[in-house]
Amino acid sequence: MQPLALRSILRRRADVRFRVIDREAVVVRQSAAEVVVLNEVAARILTLADGSTSLESWVDVLAAEYEASRETLERDVAGFAAELVEQGLLEVA
């Protein structure tokens, strides 16, 4: 799986619903009839996936909220976003 470019803009797929409960996301993907629980950072990423904000902007937000180097955040966000696309939770806007 190839990480996405930081200029990529993603959104949640139309069949994805989620709620944040105690800083974790409970995600329902209706078309696949599956439920996934994601940690706090993954929940934040789902919130940021609004279809108008680039991955680079996500990194800016996360850098202000978490103690991690920008290089680490760029690599991890691009890789994790690609995983979420592959799993059918996000799509390119």
Protein backbone atom coordinates (compact mmCIF):
# COMPACT_ATOMS: atom_id res chain seq x y z
CA MET A 1 0.00 0.00 0.00
CA GLN A 2 1.37 3.37 -1.06
CA PRO A 3 0.99 6.39 1.28
CA LEU A 4 -1.13 9.21 -0.11
CA ALA A 5 0.28 12.57 -1.14
CA LEU A 6 -0.11 15.30 1.47
CA ARG A 7 -2.05 17.42 -1.05
CA SER A 8 -4.76 14.70 -1.21
CA ILE A 9 -8.25 15.63 -0.06
CA LEU A 10 -10.37 12.86 1.40
CA ARG A 11 -13.89 12.48 2.70
CA ARG A 12 -15.80 9.79 4.53
CA ARG A 13 -17.67 7.47 2.21
CA ALA A 14 -21.42 8.03 2.08
CA ASP A 15 -22.13 4.72 3.84
CA VAL A 16 -19.84 5.46 6.81
CA ARG A 17 -21.37 6.60 10.09
CA PHE A 18 -19.46 7.16 13.31
CA ARG A 19 -19.76 8.47 16.81
CA VAL A 20 -16.96 9.42 19.18
CA ILE A 21 -17.44 7.82 22.59
CA ASP A 22 -14.81 8.33 25.28
CA ARG A 23 -12.35 9.61 22.62
CA GLU A 24 -12.69 6.46 20.49
CA ALA A 25 -14.74 6.21 17.31
CA VAL A 26 -17.34 3.55 16.76
CA VAL A 27 -17.63 3.32 12.99
CA VAL A 28 -20.41 1.61 11.05
CA ARG A 29 -19.87 0.90 7.39
CA GLN A 30 -23.39 0.20 6.25
CA SER A 31 -22.66 -1.36 2.85
CA ALA A 32 -20.37 -3.96 4.40
CA ALA A 33 -22.45 -4.41 7.58
CA GLU A 34 -19.35 -4.00 9.71
CA VAL A 35 -18.49 -2.13 12.87
CA VAL A 36 -14.97 -0.91 13.65
CA VAL A 37 -13.62 0.78 16.78
CA LEU A 38 -10.81 3.29 16.21
CA ASN A 39 -8.54 4.98 18.76
CA GLU A 40 -8.51 8.69 19.61
CA VAL A 41 -6.14 9.78 16.84
CA ALA A 42 -7.99 7.75 14.21
CA ALA A 43 -11.27 9.26 15.43
CA ARG A 44 -9.75 12.72 14.99
CA ILE A 45 -8.69 11.82 11.45
CA LEU A 46 -12.24 10.72 10.60
CA THR A 47 -13.46 14.08 11.85
CA LEU A 48 -10.90 15.91 9.70
CA ALA A 49 -11.92 13.96 6.56
CA ASP A 50 -14.45 16.58 5.47
CA GLY A 51 -13.87 16.54 1.71
CA SER A 52 -12.30 19.99 1.62
CA THR A 53 -9.20 19.78 3.82
CA SER A 54 -5.89 18.34 2.60
CA LEU A 55 -3.84 15.78 4.49
CA GLU A 56 -1.25 18.50 4.99
CA SER A 57 -3.85 20.54 6.88
CA TRP A 58 -4.67 17.46 8.96
CA VAL A 59 -0.98 17.28 9.89
CA ASP A 60 -1.08 20.95 10.95
CA VAL A 61 -4.06 20.29 13.22
CA LEU A 62 -2.58 17.13 14.71
CA ALA A 63 0.80 18.80 15.26
CA ALA A 64 -0.94 21.39 17.42
CA GLU A 65 -2.80 18.71 19.39
CA TYR A 66 -0.19 15.96 19.86
CA GLU A 67 3.48 15.85 20.68
CA ALA A 68 5.07 14.33 17.61
CA SER A 69 7.51 15.54 15.01
CA ARG A 70 6.07 16.89 11.79
CA GLU A 71 8.01 14.28 9.81
CA THR A 72 6.46 11.47 11.86
CA LEU A 73 2.98 12.94 11.54
CA GLU A 74 3.31 13.38 7.78
CA ARG A 75 4.41 9.77 7.32
CA ASP A 76 1.82 8.32 9.70
CA VAL A 77 -1.12 10.39 8.46
CA ALA A 78 -0.38 9.65 4.79
CA GLY A 79 0.01 5.93 5.50
CA PHE A 80 -3.03 5.64 7.76
CA ALA A 81 -5.22 7.64 5.37
CA ALA A 82 -4.24 5.18 2.60
CA GLU A 83 -5.29 2.30 4.89
CA LEU A 84 -8.66 3.95 5.53
CA VAL A 85 -9.18 4.35 1.77
CA GLU A 86 -8.25 0.70 1.23
CA GLN A 87 -10.69 -0.38 3.96
CA GLY A 88 -13.48 1.62 2.35
CA LEU A 89 -13.94 4.20 5.11
CA LEU A 90 -12.54 7.19 3.18
CA GLU A 91 -12.44 8.15 -0.49
CA VAL A 92 -10.70 10.80 -2.57
CA ALA A 93 -12.86 13.91 -2.77
